[in-house]
Amino acid sequence: MVASHERAQSVVAFGGGHGLSASLHALRLLVADLVVDDLTAVVTIADNGGSSGRLRGEFGVLPPGDLRMALAALCGDHPWGDTWARVLQHRFAGEGEMNGHVIGNLLIVGLWEQLGDSVAALDWVGKLLGTTGRVLPMALTPLDITAQIRGLDPERPEVARTVRGQVEVATSDGEIVSIALDPPDPEPCPEALAAVAAADWVVLGPGSWFTSVMPHLMVPEVRSALEHTDARIVVVLNLVDEAGETSGFDPIDHLAALLEHAPDLRIHTVLADAGSVGDAADELRSAVASAGAELHLDDVAADDGSPRHDPARLAAAYTRIMTGA
């Protein structure tokens, strides 16, 4: 579906964790401004740590944490939405078995057990919260991320070793050469594939590059849907590198890693923060052009010095991209 600037747009945002949460906060503002009329979040489901990992191990379910964060990000800016977002994100303290568990994770897993349907349960949570948009998992099969990582053996730094697990990959001290999923062909979420097929725009990133953004491209049917969609794909680059996962990466390295894993992906726009790119703007513009895309530089970083995107500024950048303003 080709985007039209004369009507509101349908958007599908891919990612996980805090990066996707920032993007969804921004896109929710576009719904309020009538720039977007249909918003779907497709969330990576490979987390194996914390409350999510414990619930996944005990009940054999998808890890609910990133799905919960996406739902909370889509809650409205009013007493009902603010209250439910806080409740959903509340983490228990104490010293017993509940320590570290999050209310939203328990709610999601409880509905999964009651309904026996991962998507229907998430839809019911969304109705309870009054969310703006829908949250879907990228796959219906619990899975793990594996990575080939170089530099883990100080005596043979050139040799790549296999590291398994989202937490282990994200915190590795070596250089990530490539990632894969186990199982390699997980069952995709049909509703996510349908959303991509009907979308005007697809947003990839920001977020942990190898463990939140790129895993979507490792699900064969999801990657194929992204490669064949008529939607315009926007890649949102991170503001800085991430210790362990992308140490030493500049914006060009992020883009190169993405295209190496999905060389047939047709990107329309690459969005980067002008301040973070700095003097490398011309070099990045050349790399983006080589990928057949356009570079959109904007001020999207928070002004408090933290390496995070400001939702209001990100919303303004999305509006300029989607409306051609």
C-alpha atoms as a PDB file:
ATOM      1  CA  MET A   1       0.000   0.000   0.000  1.00  0.00           C
ATOM      2  CA  VAL A   2       1.589   3.270  -1.114  1.00  0.00           C
ATOM      3  CA  ALA A   3       1.444   6.083   1.393  1.00  0.00           C
ATOM      4  CA  SER A   4      -0.785   9.073   0.720  1.00  0.00           C
ATOM      5  CA  HIS A   5      -0.128  12.425   2.331  1.00  0.00           C
ATOM      6  CA  GLU A   6      -3.838  13.271   2.114  1.00  0.00           C
ATOM      7  CA  ARG A   7      -4.966  10.771   4.728  1.00  0.00           C
ATOM      8  CA  ALA A   8      -3.800   9.314   8.006  1.00  0.00           C
ATOM      9  CA  GLN A   9      -1.214   6.570   7.738  1.00  0.00           C
ATOM     10  CA  SER A  10      -0.955   2.956   8.875  1.00  0.00           C
ATOM     11  CA  VAL A  11       2.300   2.279  10.739  1.00  0.00           C
ATOM     12  CA  VAL A  12       3.969  -0.894  12.008  1.00  0.00           C
ATOM     13  CA  ALA A  13       6.874  -0.422  14.441  1.00  0.00           C
ATOM     14  CA  PHE A  14       9.391  -3.226  15.017  1.00  0.00           C
ATOM     15  CA  GLY A  15      11.766  -3.555  17.958  1.00  0.00           C
ATOM     16  CA  GLY A  16      11.841  -4.287  21.650  1.00  0.00           C
ATOM     17  CA  GLY A  17      12.690  -2.852  25.035  1.00  0.00           C
ATOM     18  CA  HIS A  18      13.336   0.821  25.685  1.00  0.00           C
ATOM     19  CA  GLY A  19      14.040   1.654  22.040  1.00  0.00           C
ATOM     20  CA  LEU A  20      10.648   0.454  20.829  1.00  0.00           C
ATOM     21  CA  SER A  21       9.016   2.104  23.832  1.00  0.00           C
ATOM     22  CA  ALA A  22      10.440   5.502  22.814  1.00  0.00           C
ATOM     23  CA  SER A  23       9.291   5.003  19.231  1.00  0.00           C
ATOM     24  CA  LEU A  24       5.784   4.034  20.337  1.00  0.00           C
ATOM     25  CA  HIS A  25       5.521   7.048  22.648  1.00  0.00           C
ATOM     26  CA  ALA A  26       6.337   9.179  19.605  1.00  0.00           C
ATOM     27  CA  LEU A  27       4.002   7.379  17.209  1.00  0.00           C
ATOM     28  CA  ARG A  28       1.166   7.603  19.738  1.00  0.00           C
ATOM     29  CA  LEU A  29       1.462  11.396  19.456  1.00  0.00           C
ATOM     30  CA  LEU A  30       1.011  11.081  15.690  1.00  0.00           C
ATOM     31  CA  VAL A  31      -2.248   9.224  16.258  1.00  0.00           C
ATOM     32  CA  ALA A  32      -3.448  12.118  18.427  1.00  0.00           C
ATOM     33  CA  ASP A  33      -2.449  14.542  15.663  1.00  0.00           C
ATOM     34  CA  LEU A  34      -4.319  12.449  13.044  1.00  0.00           C
ATOM     35  CA  VAL A  35      -1.135  11.765  11.086  1.00  0.00           C
ATOM     36  CA  VAL A  36      -1.430   8.049  11.939  1.00  0.00           C
ATOM     37  CA  ASP A  37      -4.743   6.209  12.230  1.00  0.00           C
ATOM     38  CA  ASP A  38      -3.575   2.630  12.664  1.00  0.00           C
ATOM     39  CA  LEU A  39      -0.587   1.691  14.825  1.00  0.00           C
ATOM     40  CA  THR A  40       0.830  -1.783  15.443  1.00  0.00           C
ATOM     41  CA  ALA A  41       3.884  -2.766  17.456  1.00  0.00           C
ATOM     42  CA  VAL A  42       5.660  -6.010  16.550  1.00  0.00           C
ATOM     43  CA  VAL A  43       7.892  -7.078  19.410  1.00  0.00           C
ATOM     44  CA  THR A  44      10.913  -9.345  19.640  1.00  0.00           C
ATOM     45  CA  ILE A  45      10.410 -12.283  22.018  1.00  0.00           C
ATOM     46  CA  ALA A  46      13.867 -13.662  22.787  1.00  0.00           C
ATOM     47  CA  ASP A  47      14.408 -12.295  26.311  1.00  0.00           C
ATOM     48  CA  ASN A  48      15.808 -14.884  28.709  1.00  0.00           C
ATOM     49  CA  GLY A  49      16.618 -12.756  31.752  1.00  0.00           C
ATOM     50  CA  GLY A  50      14.867 -11.293  34.783  1.00  0.00           C
ATOM     51  CA  SER A  51      11.166 -11.781  35.425  1.00  0.00           C
ATOM     52  CA  SER A  52      10.510 -12.658  31.772  1.00  0.00           C
ATOM     53  CA  GLY A  53      13.144 -15.354  31.762  1.00  0.00           C
ATOM     54  CA  ARG A  54      11.840 -16.879  34.976  1.00  0.00           C
ATOM     55  CA  LEU A  55       8.261 -16.995  33.688  1.00  0.00           C
ATOM     56  CA  ARG A  56       9.404 -18.362  30.351  1.00  0.00           C
ATOM     57  CA  GLY A  57      11.363 -21.120  32.072  1.00  0.00           C
ATOM     58  CA  GLU A  58       8.579 -22.072  34.479  1.00  0.00           C
ATOM     59  CA  PHE A  59       5.584 -21.959  32.125  1.00  0.00           C
ATOM     60  CA  GLY A  60       7.116 -22.470  28.674  1.00  0.00           C
ATOM     61  CA  VAL A  61       5.541 -19.226  27.397  1.00  0.00           C
ATOM     62  CA  LEU A  62       6.829 -16.355  25.328  1.00  0.00           C
ATOM     63  CA  PRO A  63       8.814 -13.893  27.451  1.00  0.00           C
ATOM     64  CA  PRO A  64       6.299 -11.147  28.271  1.00  0.00           C
ATOM     65  CA  GLY A  65       8.623  -8.285  29.270  1.00  0.00           C
ATOM     66  CA  ASP A  66       9.099  -6.458  25.971  1.00  0.00           C
ATOM     67  CA  LEU A  67       5.425  -6.971  25.112  1.00  0.00           C
ATOM     68  CA  ARG A  68       4.506  -5.393  28.452  1.00  0.00           C
ATOM     69  CA  MET A  69       6.756  -2.387  27.820  1.00  0.00           C
ATOM     70  CA  ALA A  70       5.158  -1.832  24.413  1.00  0.00           C
ATOM     71  CA  LEU A  71       1.670  -1.950  25.920  1.00  0.00           C
ATOM     72  CA  ALA A  72       2.670   0.530  28.621  1.00  0.00           C
ATOM     73  CA  ALA A  73       4.109   2.885  25.990  1.00  0.00           C
ATOM     74  CA  LEU A  74       0.760   2.929  24.181  1.00  0.00           C
ATOM     75  CA  CYS A  75      -1.205   3.993  27.265  1.00  0.00           C
ATOM     76  CA  GLY A  76      -2.720   7.471  26.953  1.00  0.00           C
ATOM     77  CA  ASP A  77      -1.618  10.639  28.746  1.00  0.00           C
ATOM     78  CA  HIS A  78      -4.599  10.795  31.102  1.00  0.00           C
ATOM     79  CA  PRO A  79      -5.317   9.448  34.617  1.00  0.00           C
ATOM     80  CA  TRP A  80      -6.540   6.062  33.373  1.00  0.00           C
ATOM     81  CA  GLY A  81      -3.596   5.528  31.042  1.00  0.00           C
ATOM     82  CA  ASP A  82      -0.995   6.904  33.448  1.00  0.00           C
ATOM     83  CA  THR A  83      -2.277   4.727  36.297  1.00  0.00           C
ATOM     84  CA  TRP A  84      -2.397   1.526  34.274  1.00  0.00           C
ATOM     85  CA  ALA A  85       1.027   2.173  32.758  1.00  0.00           C
ATOM     86  CA  ARG A  86       2.494   2.480  36.255  1.00  0.00           C
ATOM     87  CA  VAL A  87       0.658  -0.638  37.473  1.00  0.00           C
ATOM     88  CA  LEU A  88       1.782  -2.626  34.456  1.00  0.00           C
ATOM     89  CA  GLN A  89       5.426  -1.646  35.058  1.00  0.00           C
ATOM     90  CA  HIS A  90       5.394  -2.152  38.851  1.00  0.00           C
ATOM     91  CA  ARG A  91       8.141  -4.510  39.987  1.00  0.00           C
ATOM     92  CA  PHE A  92       7.806  -6.313  43.313  1.00  0.00           C
ATOM     93  CA  ALA A  93      10.505  -5.879  45.940  1.00  0.00           C
ATOM     94  CA  GLY A  94      10.913  -8.013  49.047  1.00  0.00           C
ATOM     95  CA  GLU A  95      13.024 -11.100  49.550  1.00  0.00           C
ATOM     96  CA  GLY A  96      10.637 -13.892  48.578  1.00  0.00           C
ATOM     97  CA  GLU A  97       9.822 -15.664  45.346  1.00  0.00           C
ATOM     98  CA  MET A  98       7.952 -12.629  43.993  1.00  0.00           C
ATOM     99  CA  ASN A  99      11.047 -10.459  44.152  1.00  0.00           C
ATOM    100  CA  GLY A 100      11.755  -8.944  40.758  1.00  0.00           C
ATOM    101  CA  HIS A 101       8.517 -10.020  39.111  1.00  0.00           C
ATOM    102  CA  VAL A 102       6.514  -7.365  37.270  1.00  0.00           C
ATOM    103  CA  ILE A 103       2.729  -7.083  37.536  1.00  0.00           C
ATOM    104  CA  GLY A 104       2.295  -6.699  33.788  1.00  0.00           C
ATOM    105  CA  ASN A 105       4.272  -9.870  33.094  1.00  0.00           C
ATOM    106  CA  LEU A 106       2.074 -11.845  35.483  1.00  0.00           C
ATOM    107  CA  LEU A 107      -1.102 -10.376  33.980  1.00  0.00           C
ATOM    108  CA  ILE A 108      -0.056 -11.300  30.438  1.00  0.00           C
ATOM    109  CA  VAL A 109       0.984 -14.842  31.368  1.00  0.00           C
ATOM    110  CA  GLY A 110      -2.236 -15.305  33.343  1.00  0.00           C
ATOM    111  CA  LEU A 111      -4.320 -14.323  30.311  1.00  0.00           C
ATOM    112  CA  TRP A 112      -2.256 -16.599  28.091  1.00  0.00           C
ATOM    113  CA  GLU A 113      -3.120 -19.496  30.408  1.00  0.00           C
ATOM    114  CA  GLN A 114      -6.802 -18.500  30.545  1.00  0.00           C
ATOM    115  CA  LEU A 115      -7.308 -17.940  26.824  1.00  0.00           C
ATOM    116  CA  GLY A 116      -4.703 -20.210  25.255  1.00  0.00           C
ATOM    117  CA  ASP A 117      -4.145 -17.576  22.578  1.00  0.00           C
ATOM    118  CA  SER A 118      -1.115 -15.268  22.715  1.00  0.00           C
ATOM    119  CA  VAL A 119      -2.556 -12.596  20.425  1.00  0.00           C
ATOM    120  CA  ALA A 120      -6.053 -12.556  21.927  1.00  0.00           C
ATOM    121  CA  ALA A 121      -4.579 -12.180  25.414  1.00  0.00           C
ATOM    122  CA  LEU A 122      -2.479  -9.175  24.364  1.00  0.00           C
ATOM    123  CA  ASP A 123      -5.547  -7.629  22.731  1.00  0.00           C
ATOM    124  CA  TRP A 124      -7.471  -8.011  26.003  1.00  0.00           C
ATOM    125  CA  VAL A 125      -4.671  -6.327  27.949  1.00  0.00           C
ATOM    126  CA  GLY A 126      -4.748  -3.501  25.410  1.00  0.00           C
ATOM    127  CA  LYS A 127      -8.513  -3.101  25.895  1.00  0.00           C
ATOM    128  CA  LEU A 128      -8.077  -2.986  29.665  1.00  0.00           C
ATOM    129  CA  LEU A 129      -5.415  -0.305  29.388  1.00  0.00           C
ATOM    130  CA  GLY A 130      -7.141   1.660  26.639  1.00  0.00           C
ATOM    131  CA  THR A 131      -4.019   1.556  24.488  1.00  0.00           C
ATOM    132  CA  THR A 132      -3.568   3.467  21.245  1.00  0.00           C
ATOM    133  CA  GLY A 133      -2.664   0.664  18.872  1.00  0.00           C
ATOM    134  CA  ARG A 134      -2.059  -3.067  18.962  1.00  0.00           C
ATOM    135  CA  VAL A 135       0.878  -5.091  20.313  1.00  0.00           C
ATOM    136  CA  LEU A 136       1.905  -8.361  18.647  1.00  0.00           C
ATOM    137  CA  PRO A 137       4.797 -10.810  19.094  1.00  0.00           C
ATOM    138  CA  MET A 138       7.069 -11.308  16.076  1.00  0.00           C
ATOM    139  CA  ALA A 139       6.638 -15.086  16.439  1.00  0.00           C
ATOM    140  CA  LEU A 140       4.490 -17.538  18.367  1.00  0.00           C
ATOM    141  CA  THR A 141       7.378 -19.878  19.179  1.00  0.00           C
ATOM    142  CA  PRO A 142       9.664 -19.307  22.185  1.00  0.00           C
ATOM    143  CA  LEU A 143      13.151 -18.817  20.755  1.00  0.00           C
ATOM    144  CA  ASP A 144      16.716 -17.940  21.604  1.00  0.00           C
ATOM    145  CA  ILE A 145      19.224 -15.659  19.951  1.00  0.00           C
ATOM    146  CA  THR A 146      22.607 -17.140  19.112  1.00  0.00           C
ATOM    147  CA  ALA A 147      25.584 -15.123  17.938  1.00  0.00           C
ATOM    148  CA  GLN A 148      28.995 -15.699  16.464  1.00  0.00           C
ATOM    149  CA  ILE A 149      31.269 -13.535  18.581  1.00  0.00           C
ATOM    150  CA  ARG A 150      34.916 -12.866  17.899  1.00  0.00           C
ATOM    151  CA  GLY A 151      37.534 -11.963  20.498  1.00  0.00           C
ATOM    152  CA  LEU A 152      36.343 -14.045  23.453  1.00  0.00           C
ATOM    153  CA  ASP A 153      39.528 -16.109  23.505  1.00  0.00           C
ATOM    154  CA  PRO A 154      42.505 -13.805  24.222  1.00  0.00           C
ATOM    155  CA  GLU A 155      44.885 -16.396  22.796  1.00  0.00           C
ATOM    156  CA  ARG A 156      42.914 -16.645  19.526  1.00  0.00           C
ATOM    157  CA  PRO A 157      41.067 -13.339  19.164  1.00  0.00           C
ATOM    158  CA  GLU A 158      40.311 -13.963  15.490  1.00  0.00           C
ATOM    159  CA  VAL A 159      38.249 -17.095  16.245  1.00  0.00           C
ATOM    160  CA  ALA A 160      34.475 -16.653  16.566  1.00  0.00           C
ATOM    161  CA  ARG A 161      32.576 -18.617  19.175  1.00  0.00           C
ATOM    162  CA  THR A 162      28.847 -19.281  19.498  1.00  0.00           C
ATOM    163  CA  VAL A 163      27.090 -17.504  22.363  1.00  0.00           C
ATOM    164  CA  ARG A 164      23.486 -18.392  23.201  1.00  0.00           C
ATOM    165  CA  GLY A 165      20.838 -16.245  24.868  1.00  0.00           C
ATOM    166  CA  GLN A 166      19.704 -12.634  24.599  1.00  0.00           C
ATOM    167  CA  VAL A 167      21.317 -11.557  27.862  1.00  0.00           C
ATOM    168  CA  GLU A 168      24.557 -13.371  27.102  1.00  0.00           C
ATOM    169  CA  VAL A 169      24.804 -11.886  23.596  1.00  0.00           C
ATOM    170  CA  ALA A 170      23.959  -8.379  24.778  1.00  0.00           C
ATOM    171  CA  THR A 171      26.594  -8.404  27.513  1.00  0.00           C
ATOM    172  CA  SER A 172      29.392 -10.084  25.575  1.00  0.00           C
ATOM    173  CA  ASP A 173      32.795  -8.388  25.534  1.00  0.00           C
ATOM    174  CA  GLY A 174      33.611  -9.590  22.027  1.00  0.00           C
ATOM    175  CA  GLU A 175      32.679  -8.414  18.534  1.00  0.00           C
ATOM    176  CA  ILE A 176      29.381  -9.771  17.219  1.00  0.00           C
ATOM    177  CA  VAL A 177      29.938 -11.145  13.721  1.00  0.00           C
ATOM    178  CA  SER A 178      26.428 -12.463  13.059  1.00  0.00           C
ATOM    179  CA  ILE A 179      23.251 -13.545  14.809  1.00  0.00           C
ATOM    180  CA  ALA A 180      20.731 -16.320  14.259  1.00  0.00           C
ATOM    181  CA  LEU A 181      17.631 -17.723  15.928  1.00  0.00           C
ATOM    182  CA  ASP A 182      17.045 -21.122  17.507  1.00  0.00           C
ATOM    183  CA  PRO A 183      14.823 -22.537  16.147  1.00  0.00           C
ATOM    184  CA  PRO A 184      15.824 -20.941  12.832  1.00  0.00           C
ATOM    185  CA  ASP A 185      12.279 -21.008  11.434  1.00  0.00           C
ATOM    186  CA  PRO A 186       9.919 -20.063  14.275  1.00  0.00           C
ATOM    187  CA  GLU A 187       6.196 -19.822  13.643  1.00  0.00           C
ATOM    188  CA  PRO A 188       5.479 -16.191  12.700  1.00  0.00           C
ATOM    189  CA  CYS A 189       2.547 -14.242  14.077  1.00  0.00           C
ATOM    190  CA  PRO A 190      -0.017 -14.142  11.215  1.00  0.00           C
ATOM    191  CA  GLU A 191      -1.460 -10.856  12.440  1.00  0.00           C
ATOM    192  CA  ALA A 192       2.012  -9.283  12.271  1.00  0.00           C
ATOM    193  CA  LEU A 193       2.460 -10.418   8.668  1.00  0.00           C
ATOM    194  CA  ALA A 194      -0.970  -9.011   7.789  1.00  0.00           C
ATOM    195  CA  ALA A 195      -0.135  -5.694   9.437  1.00  0.00           C
ATOM    196  CA  VAL A 196       3.048  -5.366   7.361  1.00  0.00           C
ATOM    197  CA  ALA A 197       1.140  -6.163   4.177  1.00  0.00           C
ATOM    198  CA  ALA A 198      -1.413  -3.429   4.928  1.00  0.00           C
ATOM    199  CA  ALA A 199       1.027  -0.796   6.207  1.00  0.00           C
ATOM    200  CA  ASP A 200       1.968   2.535   4.689  1.00  0.00           C
ATOM    201  CA  TRP A 201       5.097   2.810   6.829  1.00  0.00           C
ATOM    202  CA  VAL A 202       7.308   0.358   8.718  1.00  0.00           C
ATOM    203  CA  VAL A 203       9.673   1.605  11.425  1.00  0.00           C
ATOM    204  CA  LEU A 204      12.748  -0.428  12.436  1.00  0.00           C
ATOM    205  CA  GLY A 205      14.602   0.741  15.520  1.00  0.00           C
ATOM    206  CA  PRO A 206      15.902   2.324  17.604  1.00  0.00           C
ATOM    207  CA  GLY A 207      17.008  -0.183  20.220  1.00  0.00           C
ATOM    208  CA  SER A 208      19.577  -2.836  21.060  1.00  0.00           C
ATOM    209  CA  TRP A 209      20.685  -3.531  17.520  1.00  0.00           C
ATOM    210  CA  PHE A 210      21.504  -7.245  17.569  1.00  0.00           C
ATOM    211  CA  THR A 211      19.036  -8.352  20.256  1.00  0.00           C
ATOM    212  CA  SER A 212      15.955  -6.145  19.748  1.00  0.00           C
ATOM    213  CA  VAL A 213      15.969  -4.767  16.196  1.00  0.00           C
ATOM    214  CA  MET A 214      17.645  -7.334  13.954  1.00  0.00           C
ATOM    215  CA  PRO A 215      16.033 -10.522  15.351  1.00  0.00           C
ATOM    216  CA  HIS A 216      12.874  -9.623  13.396  1.00  0.00           C
ATOM    217  CA  LEU A 217      14.866 -10.016  10.189  1.00  0.00           C
ATOM    218  CA  MET A 218      15.925 -13.511  11.261  1.00  0.00           C
ATOM    219  CA  VAL A 219      12.343 -14.840  11.189  1.00  0.00           C
ATOM    220  CA  PRO A 220      12.135 -16.003   7.552  1.00  0.00           C
ATOM    221  CA  GLU A 221       8.486 -15.125   6.921  1.00  0.00           C
ATOM    222  CA  VAL A 222       8.783 -11.769   8.682  1.00  0.00           C
ATOM    223  CA  ARG A 223      11.884 -10.896   6.665  1.00  0.00           C
ATOM    224  CA  SER A 224      10.090 -11.911   3.464  1.00  0.00           C
ATOM    225  CA  ALA A 225       7.092  -9.761   4.395  1.00  0.00           C
ATOM    226  CA  LEU A 226       9.381  -6.786   4.970  1.00  0.00           C
ATOM    227  CA  GLU A 227      11.229  -7.395   1.722  1.00  0.00           C
ATOM    228  CA  HIS A 228       8.016  -7.528  -0.322  1.00  0.00           C
ATOM    229  CA  THR A 229       5.850  -4.912   1.385  1.00  0.00           C
ATOM    230  CA  ASP A 230       4.820  -1.761  -0.442  1.00  0.00           C
ATOM    231  CA  ALA A 231       5.209   0.127   2.821  1.00  0.00           C
ATOM    232  CA  ARG A 232       8.014   2.625   3.113  1.00  0.00           C
ATOM    233  CA  ILE A 233      10.612   1.409   5.604  1.00  0.00           C
ATOM    234  CA  VAL A 234      12.210   3.862   8.020  1.00  0.00           C
ATOM    235  CA  VAL A 235      15.328   2.755   9.904  1.00  0.00           C
ATOM    236  CA  VAL A 236      15.951   4.758  13.084  1.00  0.00           C
ATOM    237  CA  LEU A 237      19.611   4.678  14.064  1.00  0.00           C
ATOM    238  CA  ASN A 238      20.758   4.637  17.673  1.00  0.00           C
ATOM    239  CA  LEU A 239      22.312   7.741  19.176  1.00  0.00           C
ATOM    240  CA  VAL A 240      25.447   5.985  20.429  1.00  0.00           C
ATOM    241  CA  ASP A 241      27.034   2.561  20.464  1.00  0.00           C
ATOM    242  CA  GLU A 242      25.996   0.148  23.208  1.00  0.00           C
ATOM    243  CA  ALA A 243      28.579  -1.359  25.531  1.00  0.00           C
ATOM    244  CA  GLY A 244      29.063  -5.039  24.774  1.00  0.00           C
ATOM    245  CA  GLU A 245      26.554  -5.349  21.937  1.00  0.00           C
ATOM    246  CA  THR A 246      27.743  -2.647  19.531  1.00  0.00           C
ATOM    247  CA  SER A 247      30.885  -1.291  21.174  1.00  0.00           C
ATOM    248  CA  GLY A 248      32.706   1.019  18.786  1.00  0.00           C
ATOM    249  CA  PHE A 249      29.859   1.091  16.231  1.00  0.00           C
ATOM    250  CA  ASP A 250      29.202   4.347  14.410  1.00  0.00           C
ATOM    251  CA  PRO A 251      25.948   5.031  12.480  1.00  0.00           C
ATOM    252  CA  ILE A 252      27.379   3.508   9.285  1.00  0.00           C
ATOM    253  CA  ASP A 253      28.287   0.307  11.163  1.00  0.00           C
ATOM    254  CA  HIS A 254      24.706  -0.001  12.435  1.00  0.00           C
ATOM    255  CA  LEU A 255      23.307   0.328   8.928  1.00  0.00           C
ATOM    256  CA  ALA A 256      25.884  -2.078   7.478  1.00  0.00           C
ATOM    257  CA  ALA A 257      25.080  -4.772  10.060  1.00  0.00           C
ATOM    258  CA  LEU A 258      21.381  -4.480   9.284  1.00  0.00           C
ATOM    259  CA  LEU A 259      21.895  -4.797   5.529  1.00  0.00           C
ATOM    260  CA  GLU A 260      24.372  -7.650   5.926  1.00  0.00           C
ATOM    261  CA  HIS A 261      21.677  -9.708   7.619  1.00  0.00           C
ATOM    262  CA  ALA A 262      18.895  -8.608   5.226  1.00  0.00           C
ATOM    263  CA  PRO A 263      20.516  -7.497   1.953  1.00  0.00           C
ATOM    264  CA  ASP A 264      17.189  -7.459   0.066  1.00  0.00           C
ATOM    265  CA  LEU A 265      15.542  -5.018   2.483  1.00  0.00           C
ATOM    266  CA  ARG A 266      14.401  -1.897   0.593  1.00  0.00           C
ATOM    267  CA  ILE A 267      14.845   1.044   2.932  1.00  0.00           C
ATOM    268  CA  HIS A 268      13.092   4.314   2.155  1.00  0.00           C
ATOM    269  CA  THR A 269      14.530   6.589   4.863  1.00  0.00           C
ATOM    270  CA  VAL A 270      17.276   6.394   7.468  1.00  0.00           C
ATOM    271  CA  LEU A 271      16.590   8.688  10.437  1.00  0.00           C
ATOM    272  CA  ALA A 272      19.577   9.800  12.491  1.00  0.00           C
ATOM    273  CA  ASP A 273      20.146  12.429  15.151  1.00  0.00           C
ATOM    274  CA  ALA A 274      22.037  15.364  13.674  1.00  0.00           C
ATOM    275  CA  GLY A 275      24.024  16.003  16.840  1.00  0.00           C
ATOM    276  CA  SER A 276      25.098  12.380  17.181  1.00  0.00           C
ATOM    277  CA  VAL A 277      26.235  12.152  13.551  1.00  0.00           C
ATOM    278  CA  GLY A 278      28.169  15.416  13.659  1.00  0.00           C
ATOM    279  CA  ASP A 279      30.976  15.731  11.128  1.00  0.00           C
ATOM    280  CA  ALA A 280      30.267  12.259   9.706  1.00  0.00           C
ATOM    281  CA  ALA A 281      27.051  13.436   8.019  1.00  0.00           C
ATOM    282  CA  ASP A 282      28.440  13.385   4.474  1.00  0.00           C
ATOM    283  CA  GLU A 283      29.931   9.923   4.919  1.00  0.00           C
ATOM    284  CA  LEU A 284      26.668   8.604   6.350  1.00  0.00           C
ATOM    285  CA  ARG A 285      24.663  10.235   3.566  1.00  0.00           C
ATOM    286  CA  SER A 286      26.838   8.446   1.009  1.00  0.00           C
ATOM    287  CA  ALA A 287      26.361   5.088   2.754  1.00  0.00           C
ATOM    288  CA  VAL A 288      22.599   5.608   2.944  1.00  0.00           C
ATOM    289  CA  ALA A 289      22.446   6.564  -0.737  1.00  0.00           C
ATOM    290  CA  SER A 290      24.400   3.420  -1.620  1.00  0.00           C
ATOM    291  CA  ALA A 291      21.633   1.462   0.105  1.00  0.00           C
ATOM    292  CA  GLY A 292      19.052   3.196  -2.108  1.00  0.00           C
ATOM    293  CA  ALA A 293      17.617   5.258   0.743  1.00  0.00           C
ATOM    294  CA  GLU A 294      17.368   8.871   1.847  1.00  0.00           C
ATOM    295  CA  LEU A 295      19.031  10.255   4.973  1.00  0.00           C
ATOM    296  CA  HIS A 296      16.888  12.372   7.278  1.00  0.00           C
ATOM    297  CA  LEU A 297      18.909  14.214   9.908  1.00  0.00           C
ATOM    298  CA  ASP A 298      16.908  15.721  12.754  1.00  0.00           C
ATOM    299  CA  ASP A 299      17.209  16.690  16.404  1.00  0.00           C
ATOM    300  CA  VAL A 300      15.708  13.660  18.139  1.00  0.00           C
ATOM    301  CA  ALA A 301      17.955  13.220  21.181  1.00  0.00           C
ATOM    302  CA  ALA A 302      16.837  14.079  24.710  1.00  0.00           C
ATOM    303  CA  ASP A 303      18.384  17.279  26.001  1.00  0.00           C
ATOM    304  CA  ASP A 304      19.358  15.856  29.387  1.00  0.00           C
ATOM    305  CA  GLY A 305      22.561  14.297  28.061  1.00  0.00           C
ATOM    306  CA  SER A 306      21.300  10.720  28.245  1.00  0.00           C
ATOM    307  CA  PRO A 307      21.632   8.499  25.150  1.00  0.00           C
ATOM    308  CA  ARG A 308      17.909   8.235  24.525  1.00  0.00           C
ATOM    309  CA  HIS A 309      15.425   9.566  22.004  1.00  0.00           C
ATOM    310  CA  ASP A 310      13.021  12.303  23.051  1.00  0.00           C
ATOM    311  CA  PRO A 311       9.473  11.162  22.153  1.00  0.00           C
ATOM    312  CA  ALA A 312       8.215  14.637  21.213  1.00  0.00           C
ATOM    313  CA  ARG A 313      11.210  15.336  18.969  1.00  0.00           C
ATOM    314  CA  LEU A 314      11.004  11.862  17.485  1.00  0.00           C
ATOM    315  CA  ALA A 315       7.303  12.428  16.812  1.00  0.00           C
ATOM    316  CA  ALA A 316       8.115  15.662  14.981  1.00  0.00           C
ATOM    317  CA  ALA A 317      10.718  13.872  12.862  1.00  0.00           C
ATOM    318  CA  TYR A 318       8.282  11.064  12.021  1.00  0.00           C
ATOM    319  CA  THR A 319       5.690  13.652  11.015  1.00  0.00           C
ATOM    320  CA  ARG A 320       8.131  15.396   8.678  1.00  0.00           C
ATOM    321  CA  ILE A 321       9.095  12.076   7.078  1.00  0.00           C
ATOM    322  CA  MET A 322       5.565  10.739   6.705  1.00  0.00           C
ATOM    323  CA  THR A 323       3.998  13.945   5.417  1.00  0.00           C
ATOM    324  CA  GLY A 324       6.929  15.145   3.332  1.00  0.00           C
ATOM    325  CA  ALA A 325       6.882  18.434   5.228  1.00  0.00           C
END
